[in-house]
Amino acid sequence: MSVFLQDEQRFWNDRIILTAGIRYDGYRITDTDSDHVPSWRLAFLGKWTDWMTMRMSYGRAFKAPSLYQQYVFNFDNINNPALNPETLHNIELAFLFTPVYNLKIRFDSFVTLMTDLIIMRYDANYAAPFIGKQGRYVAEQDMNVNIYGFELSVDSALTENWHLYGHFNLLFSDPSSIHSRKTKKDLDKYENVPDDAHYRL
């Protein structure tokens, strides 16, 4: 079950736009147990001049653990029924500049704070030598990760049919541990953001 409500208010001849939204999700864990999680979003858009627009936003979201992570126990995986939803807080600040009619410059920065991150850790303590398994993957929830970044792009209309476009983005993460058993060596594995480039031009 999900319910979503959103309202938008405009002021000063649409130069100020305020948006607020809330979402309420209920998801079933078992036949007799369920959980409910709220999420919300706030946004501010200001058209300060004809050539500069600023946007600020904040949002909170969640990701429920999968049934596989919570309940499936097999030769490869150890389940963890005590997992809670991951939560995410995102703050964004962006500017759009149009100093001349055929040139657009966009700068977008963000901070994403992830808590209760679920990771699948390979643990040799759950080995099953009789089937050739030296360990199994265990679903754990003991990490916080902060992700920071910004994007800068330039778009120039050279002619009606030709545009010159440039883009640069930087992305990096800062993992932190909730439990003291995590060492710096353990955290070094998460030093870079996985599955993405640290920077791109």
C-alpha atoms as a PDB file:
ATOM      1  CA  MET A   1       0.000   0.000   0.000  1.00  0.00           C
ATOM      2  CA  SER A   2       1.295   3.474  -0.905  1.00  0.00           C
ATOM      3  CA  VAL A   3      -0.250   6.934  -0.515  1.00  0.00           C
ATOM      4  CA  PHE A   4       1.386  10.046  -2.023  1.00  0.00           C
ATOM      5  CA  LEU A   5       0.358  13.670  -1.496  1.00  0.00           C
ATOM      6  CA  GLN A   6       2.039  16.731  -3.026  1.00  0.00           C
ATOM      7  CA  ASP A   7       1.302  20.449  -3.137  1.00  0.00           C
ATOM      8  CA  GLU A   8       2.887  23.242  -5.161  1.00  0.00           C
ATOM      9  CA  GLN A   9       2.641  26.955  -4.383  1.00  0.00           C
ATOM     10  CA  ARG A  10       3.774  29.755  -6.728  1.00  0.00           C
ATOM     11  CA  PHE A  11       4.600  33.336  -5.759  1.00  0.00           C
ATOM     12  CA  TRP A  12       5.880  36.565  -7.298  1.00  0.00           C
ATOM     13  CA  ASN A  13       4.632  35.878 -10.817  1.00  0.00           C
ATOM     14  CA  ASP A  14       5.973  32.271 -10.731  1.00  0.00           C
ATOM     15  CA  ARG A  15       9.485  33.391  -9.784  1.00  0.00           C
ATOM     16  CA  ILE A  16       9.254  31.492  -6.479  1.00  0.00           C
ATOM     17  CA  ILE A  17       7.938  27.925  -6.517  1.00  0.00           C
ATOM     18  CA  LEU A  18       7.615  25.831  -3.352  1.00  0.00           C
ATOM     19  CA  THR A  19       6.865  22.104  -3.522  1.00  0.00           C
ATOM     20  CA  ALA A  20       6.157  19.740  -0.624  1.00  0.00           C
ATOM     21  CA  GLY A  21       5.300  16.084  -0.880  1.00  0.00           C
ATOM     22  CA  ILE A  22       4.921  13.114   1.449  1.00  0.00           C
ATOM     23  CA  ARG A  23       4.608   9.428   0.715  1.00  0.00           C
ATOM     24  CA  TYR A  24       3.464   6.708   3.095  1.00  0.00           C
ATOM     25  CA  ASP A  25       4.346   3.088   2.300  1.00  0.00           C
ATOM     26  CA  GLY A  26       3.194  -0.053   4.029  1.00  0.00           C
ATOM     27  CA  TYR A  27       4.913  -3.285   3.080  1.00  0.00           C
ATOM     28  CA  ARG A  28       4.328  -6.792   4.364  1.00  0.00           C
ATOM     29  CA  ILE A  29       7.167  -8.665   6.054  1.00  0.00           C
ATOM     30  CA  THR A  30       5.261 -11.827   7.009  1.00  0.00           C
ATOM     31  CA  ASP A  31       1.624 -12.862   7.056  1.00  0.00           C
ATOM     32  CA  THR A  32       1.264 -11.529  10.604  1.00  0.00           C
ATOM     33  CA  ASP A  33       3.795  -8.675  10.678  1.00  0.00           C
ATOM     34  CA  SER A  34       4.037  -5.507   8.596  1.00  0.00           C
ATOM     35  CA  ASP A  35       5.917  -2.209   8.615  1.00  0.00           C
ATOM     36  CA  HIS A  36       5.159   1.362   7.567  1.00  0.00           C
ATOM     37  CA  VAL A  37       7.658   3.974   6.394  1.00  0.00           C
ATOM     38  CA  PRO A  38       7.075   7.680   5.563  1.00  0.00           C
ATOM     39  CA  SER A  39       9.108   9.555   2.946  1.00  0.00           C
ATOM     40  CA  TRP A  40       9.015  13.233   2.084  1.00  0.00           C
ATOM     41  CA  ARG A  41      10.331  15.793  -0.364  1.00  0.00           C
ATOM     42  CA  LEU A  42      10.761  19.573  -0.123  1.00  0.00           C
ATOM     43  CA  ALA A  43      11.876  21.787  -3.013  1.00  0.00           C
ATOM     44  CA  PHE A  44      12.468  25.501  -3.558  1.00  0.00           C
ATOM     45  CA  LEU A  45      12.866  27.084  -6.996  1.00  0.00           C
ATOM     46  CA  GLY A  46      13.854  30.727  -7.317  1.00  0.00           C
ATOM     47  CA  LYS A  47      14.088  32.598 -10.613  1.00  0.00           C
ATOM     48  CA  TRP A  48      16.096  35.495  -9.248  1.00  0.00           C
ATOM     49  CA  THR A  49      16.793  37.138 -12.601  1.00  0.00           C
ATOM     50  CA  ASP A  50      16.023  36.422 -16.229  1.00  0.00           C
ATOM     51  CA  TRP A  51      19.401  34.712 -16.533  1.00  0.00           C
ATOM     52  CA  MET A  52      19.785  32.869 -13.184  1.00  0.00           C
ATOM     53  CA  THR A  53      17.643  30.180 -11.560  1.00  0.00           C
ATOM     54  CA  MET A  54      18.388  28.448  -8.250  1.00  0.00           C
ATOM     55  CA  ARG A  55      16.910  25.176  -7.003  1.00  0.00           C
ATOM     56  CA  MET A  56      17.228  23.615  -3.553  1.00  0.00           C
ATOM     57  CA  SER A  57      15.668  20.326  -2.523  1.00  0.00           C
ATOM     58  CA  TYR A  58      15.638  17.791   0.276  1.00  0.00           C
ATOM     59  CA  GLY A  59      14.228  14.297   0.121  1.00  0.00           C
ATOM     60  CA  ARG A  60      14.028  11.202   2.278  1.00  0.00           C
ATOM     61  CA  ALA A  61      13.504   7.733   0.856  1.00  0.00           C
ATOM     62  CA  PHE A  62      13.854   4.108   1.916  1.00  0.00           C
ATOM     63  CA  LYS A  63      14.604   0.698   0.458  1.00  0.00           C
ATOM     64  CA  ALA A  64      13.154  -2.351   2.143  1.00  0.00           C
ATOM     65  CA  PRO A  65      15.359  -5.462   2.421  1.00  0.00           C
ATOM     66  CA  SER A  66      14.627  -8.131  -0.144  1.00  0.00           C
ATOM     67  CA  LEU A  67      12.924 -11.381   0.785  1.00  0.00           C
ATOM     68  CA  TYR A  68      16.117 -13.142  -0.308  1.00  0.00           C
ATOM     69  CA  GLN A  69      18.185 -11.189   2.223  1.00  0.00           C
ATOM     70  CA  GLN A  70      15.701 -11.749   5.041  1.00  0.00           C
ATOM     71  CA  TYR A  71      14.434 -15.272   4.606  1.00  0.00           C
ATOM     72  CA  VAL A  72      16.404 -17.394   2.123  1.00  0.00           C
ATOM     73  CA  PHE A  73      18.874 -19.782   3.749  1.00  0.00           C
ATOM     74  CA  ASN A  74      20.800 -22.038   1.364  1.00  0.00           C
ATOM     75  CA  PHE A  75      24.284 -23.248   0.455  1.00  0.00           C
ATOM     76  CA  ASP A  76      25.337 -19.772  -0.727  1.00  0.00           C
ATOM     77  CA  ASN A  77      23.428 -17.378   1.514  1.00  0.00           C
ATOM     78  CA  ILE A  78      22.745 -16.842   5.226  1.00  0.00           C
ATOM     79  CA  ASN A  79      19.553 -14.889   5.817  1.00  0.00           C
ATOM     80  CA  ASN A  80      18.997 -12.157   8.415  1.00  0.00           C
ATOM     81  CA  PRO A  81      15.332 -11.639   9.418  1.00  0.00           C
ATOM     82  CA  ALA A  82      16.265  -8.662  11.654  1.00  0.00           C
ATOM     83  CA  LEU A  83      17.145  -6.355   8.723  1.00  0.00           C
ATOM     84  CA  ASN A  84      15.535  -2.916   8.675  1.00  0.00           C
ATOM     85  CA  PRO A  85      14.915  -0.737   5.604  1.00  0.00           C
ATOM     86  CA  GLU A  86      17.834   1.301   4.308  1.00  0.00           C
ATOM     87  CA  THR A  87      17.204   5.034   4.541  1.00  0.00           C
ATOM     88  CA  LEU A  88      18.470   7.812   2.296  1.00  0.00           C
ATOM     89  CA  HIS A  89      18.576  11.578   2.826  1.00  0.00           C
ATOM     90  CA  ASN A  90      19.440  13.717  -0.200  1.00  0.00           C
ATOM     91  CA  ILE A  91      20.199  17.453  -0.252  1.00  0.00           C
ATOM     92  CA  GLU A  92      20.697  19.225  -3.574  1.00  0.00           C
ATOM     93  CA  LEU A  93      21.629  22.753  -4.638  1.00  0.00           C
ATOM     94  CA  ALA A  94      21.644  23.693  -8.318  1.00  0.00           C
ATOM     95  CA  PHE A  95      22.074  26.839 -10.421  1.00  0.00           C
ATOM     96  CA  LEU A  96      21.189  27.464 -14.057  1.00  0.00           C
ATOM     97  CA  PHE A  97      22.812  30.445 -15.761  1.00  0.00           C
ATOM     98  CA  THR A  98      21.847  31.793 -19.195  1.00  0.00           C
ATOM     99  CA  PRO A  99      24.107  34.860 -19.595  1.00  0.00           C
ATOM    100  CA  VAL A 100      23.276  35.040 -23.313  1.00  0.00           C
ATOM    101  CA  TYR A 101      20.394  33.507 -25.222  1.00  0.00           C
ATOM    102  CA  ASN A 102      22.457  30.711 -26.816  1.00  0.00           C
ATOM    103  CA  LEU A 103      24.482  29.662 -23.742  1.00  0.00           C
ATOM    104  CA  LYS A 104      23.380  27.597 -20.732  1.00  0.00           C
ATOM    105  CA  ILE A 105      25.625  26.822 -17.743  1.00  0.00           C
ATOM    106  CA  ARG A 106      24.366  24.402 -15.093  1.00  0.00           C
ATOM    107  CA  PHE A 107      25.962  23.640 -11.725  1.00  0.00           C
ATOM    108  CA  ASP A 108      24.450  20.951  -9.526  1.00  0.00           C
ATOM    109  CA  SER A 109      25.827  19.806  -6.152  1.00  0.00           C
ATOM    110  CA  PHE A 110      24.452  17.164  -3.803  1.00  0.00           C
ATOM    111  CA  VAL A 111      24.997  15.290  -0.547  1.00  0.00           C
ATOM    112  CA  THR A 112      23.452  11.863  -0.058  1.00  0.00           C
ATOM    113  CA  LEU A 113      23.439  10.284   3.407  1.00  0.00           C
ATOM    114  CA  MET A 114      22.668   6.572   3.494  1.00  0.00           C
ATOM    115  CA  THR A 115      22.043   4.820   6.823  1.00  0.00           C
ATOM    116  CA  ASP A 116      21.483   1.176   7.744  1.00  0.00           C
ATOM    117  CA  LEU A 117      23.122   0.117   4.488  1.00  0.00           C
ATOM    118  CA  ILE A 118      22.651  -3.594   3.756  1.00  0.00           C
ATOM    119  CA  ILE A 119      25.736  -5.393   2.443  1.00  0.00           C
ATOM    120  CA  MET A 120      26.337  -9.042   1.534  1.00  0.00           C
ATOM    121  CA  ARG A 121      29.592 -10.001   3.292  1.00  0.00           C
ATOM    122  CA  TYR A 122      31.461 -13.209   2.536  1.00  0.00           C
ATOM    123  CA  ASP A 123      32.040 -15.002   5.856  1.00  0.00           C
ATOM    124  CA  ALA A 124      34.356 -18.015   6.174  1.00  0.00           C
ATOM    125  CA  ASN A 125      32.723 -18.867   9.516  1.00  0.00           C
ATOM    126  CA  TYR A 126      29.780 -20.300   7.570  1.00  0.00           C
ATOM    127  CA  ALA A 127      31.835 -22.718   5.516  1.00  0.00           C
ATOM    128  CA  ALA A 128      30.309 -26.002   4.336  1.00  0.00           C
ATOM    129  CA  PRO A 129      33.313 -28.173   3.360  1.00  0.00           C
ATOM    130  CA  PHE A 130      31.155 -31.213   2.624  1.00  0.00           C
ATOM    131  CA  ILE A 131      29.777 -29.393  -0.442  1.00  0.00           C
ATOM    132  CA  GLY A 132      32.966 -27.521  -1.268  1.00  0.00           C
ATOM    133  CA  LYS A 133      31.900 -24.149   0.182  1.00  0.00           C
ATOM    134  CA  GLN A 134      34.687 -22.187   1.906  1.00  0.00           C
ATOM    135  CA  GLY A 135      32.178 -19.634   3.198  1.00  0.00           C
ATOM    136  CA  ARG A 136      28.795 -18.073   2.552  1.00  0.00           C
ATOM    137  CA  TYR A 137      27.379 -14.599   2.014  1.00  0.00           C
ATOM    138  CA  VAL A 138      25.730 -13.036   5.053  1.00  0.00           C
ATOM    139  CA  ALA A 139      23.343 -10.069   4.919  1.00  0.00           C
ATOM    140  CA  GLU A 140      24.632  -7.430   7.333  1.00  0.00           C
ATOM    141  CA  GLN A 141      23.422  -3.970   8.280  1.00  0.00           C
ATOM    142  CA  ASP A 142      26.205  -2.036   9.966  1.00  0.00           C
ATOM    143  CA  MET A 143      27.304   0.686   7.568  1.00  0.00           C
ATOM    144  CA  ASN A 144      26.586   4.342   6.935  1.00  0.00           C
ATOM    145  CA  VAL A 145      27.776   5.861   3.653  1.00  0.00           C
ATOM    146  CA  ASN A 146      27.900   9.552   2.719  1.00  0.00           C
ATOM    147  CA  ILE A 147      28.131  10.331  -1.006  1.00  0.00           C
ATOM    148  CA  TYR A 148      29.103  13.790  -2.250  1.00  0.00           C
ATOM    149  CA  GLY A 149      29.364  15.176  -5.738  1.00  0.00           C
ATOM    150  CA  PHE A 150      28.768  17.934  -8.209  1.00  0.00           C
ATOM    151  CA  GLU A 151      28.124  18.331 -11.917  1.00  0.00           C
ATOM    152  CA  LEU A 152      29.040  21.205 -14.224  1.00  0.00           C
ATOM    153  CA  SER A 153      27.769  21.419 -17.795  1.00  0.00           C
ATOM    154  CA  VAL A 154      27.881  23.979 -20.580  1.00  0.00           C
ATOM    155  CA  ASP A 155      25.552  23.940 -23.583  1.00  0.00           C
ATOM    156  CA  SER A 156      26.029  26.444 -26.419  1.00  0.00           C
ATOM    157  CA  ALA A 157      23.890  26.694 -29.520  1.00  0.00           C
ATOM    158  CA  LEU A 158      26.391  27.420 -32.280  1.00  0.00           C
ATOM    159  CA  THR A 159      23.731  27.330 -34.982  1.00  0.00           C
ATOM    160  CA  GLU A 160      20.155  26.139 -35.240  1.00  0.00           C
ATOM    161  CA  ASN A 161      21.329  22.572 -35.896  1.00  0.00           C
ATOM    162  CA  TRP A 162      24.680  22.429 -34.052  1.00  0.00           C
ATOM    163  CA  HIS A 163      25.329  22.553 -30.297  1.00  0.00           C
ATOM    164  CA  LEU A 164      28.576  22.429 -28.339  1.00  0.00           C
ATOM    165  CA  TYR A 165      28.167  20.561 -25.063  1.00  0.00           C
ATOM    166  CA  GLY A 166      30.635  19.916 -22.221  1.00  0.00           C
ATOM    167  CA  HIS A 167      30.090  18.084 -18.943  1.00  0.00           C
ATOM    168  CA  PHE A 168      32.179  17.294 -15.852  1.00  0.00           C
ATOM    169  CA  ASN A 169      31.130  15.469 -12.698  1.00  0.00           C
ATOM    170  CA  LEU A 170      32.904  14.420  -9.511  1.00  0.00           C
ATOM    171  CA  LEU A 171      31.643  11.707  -7.190  1.00  0.00           C
ATOM    172  CA  PHE A 172      33.144  10.329  -3.993  1.00  0.00           C
ATOM    173  CA  SER A 173      31.974   8.465  -0.888  1.00  0.00           C
ATOM    174  CA  ASP A 174      32.852   8.409   2.791  1.00  0.00           C
ATOM    175  CA  PRO A 175      31.924   5.160   4.568  1.00  0.00           C
ATOM    176  CA  SER A 176      31.559   5.095   8.326  1.00  0.00           C
ATOM    177  CA  SER A 177      30.921   2.204  10.669  1.00  0.00           C
ATOM    178  CA  ILE A 178      28.225   1.839  13.270  1.00  0.00           C
ATOM    179  CA  HIS A 179      29.907  -1.133  14.932  1.00  0.00           C
ATOM    180  CA  SER A 180      33.440  -0.972  16.291  1.00  0.00           C
ATOM    181  CA  ARG A 181      34.426  -4.321  14.819  1.00  0.00           C
ATOM    182  CA  LYS A 182      34.888  -2.690  11.417  1.00  0.00           C
ATOM    183  CA  THR A 183      38.550  -1.763  10.934  1.00  0.00           C
ATOM    184  CA  LYS A 184      40.079   0.773   8.547  1.00  0.00           C
ATOM    185  CA  LYS A 185      41.135  -2.131   6.324  1.00  0.00           C
ATOM    186  CA  ASP A 186      37.513  -3.239   6.127  1.00  0.00           C
ATOM    187  CA  LEU A 187      36.362   0.269   5.228  1.00  0.00           C
ATOM    188  CA  ASP A 188      39.022   0.707   2.546  1.00  0.00           C
ATOM    189  CA  LYS A 189      37.000  -1.691   0.399  1.00  0.00           C
ATOM    190  CA  TYR A 190      34.268   0.958   0.206  1.00  0.00           C
ATOM    191  CA  GLU A 191      36.539   3.964  -0.297  1.00  0.00           C
ATOM    192  CA  ASN A 192      35.431   4.529  -3.870  1.00  0.00           C
ATOM    193  CA  VAL A 193      31.875   4.567  -5.078  1.00  0.00           C
ATOM    194  CA  PRO A 194      31.257   1.138  -6.668  1.00  0.00           C
ATOM    195  CA  ASP A 195      29.983   0.693 -10.203  1.00  0.00           C
ATOM    196  CA  ASP A 196      30.636   4.311 -11.209  1.00  0.00           C
ATOM    197  CA  ALA A 197      33.475   6.631 -12.180  1.00  0.00           C
ATOM    198  CA  HIS A 198      35.107   8.822  -9.557  1.00  0.00           C
ATOM    199  CA  TYR A 199      35.075  11.658 -12.068  1.00  0.00           C
ATOM    200  CA  ARG A 200      33.989  11.980 -15.692  1.00  0.00           C
ATOM    201  CA  LEU A 201      34.630  14.589 -18.375  1.00  0.00           C
END
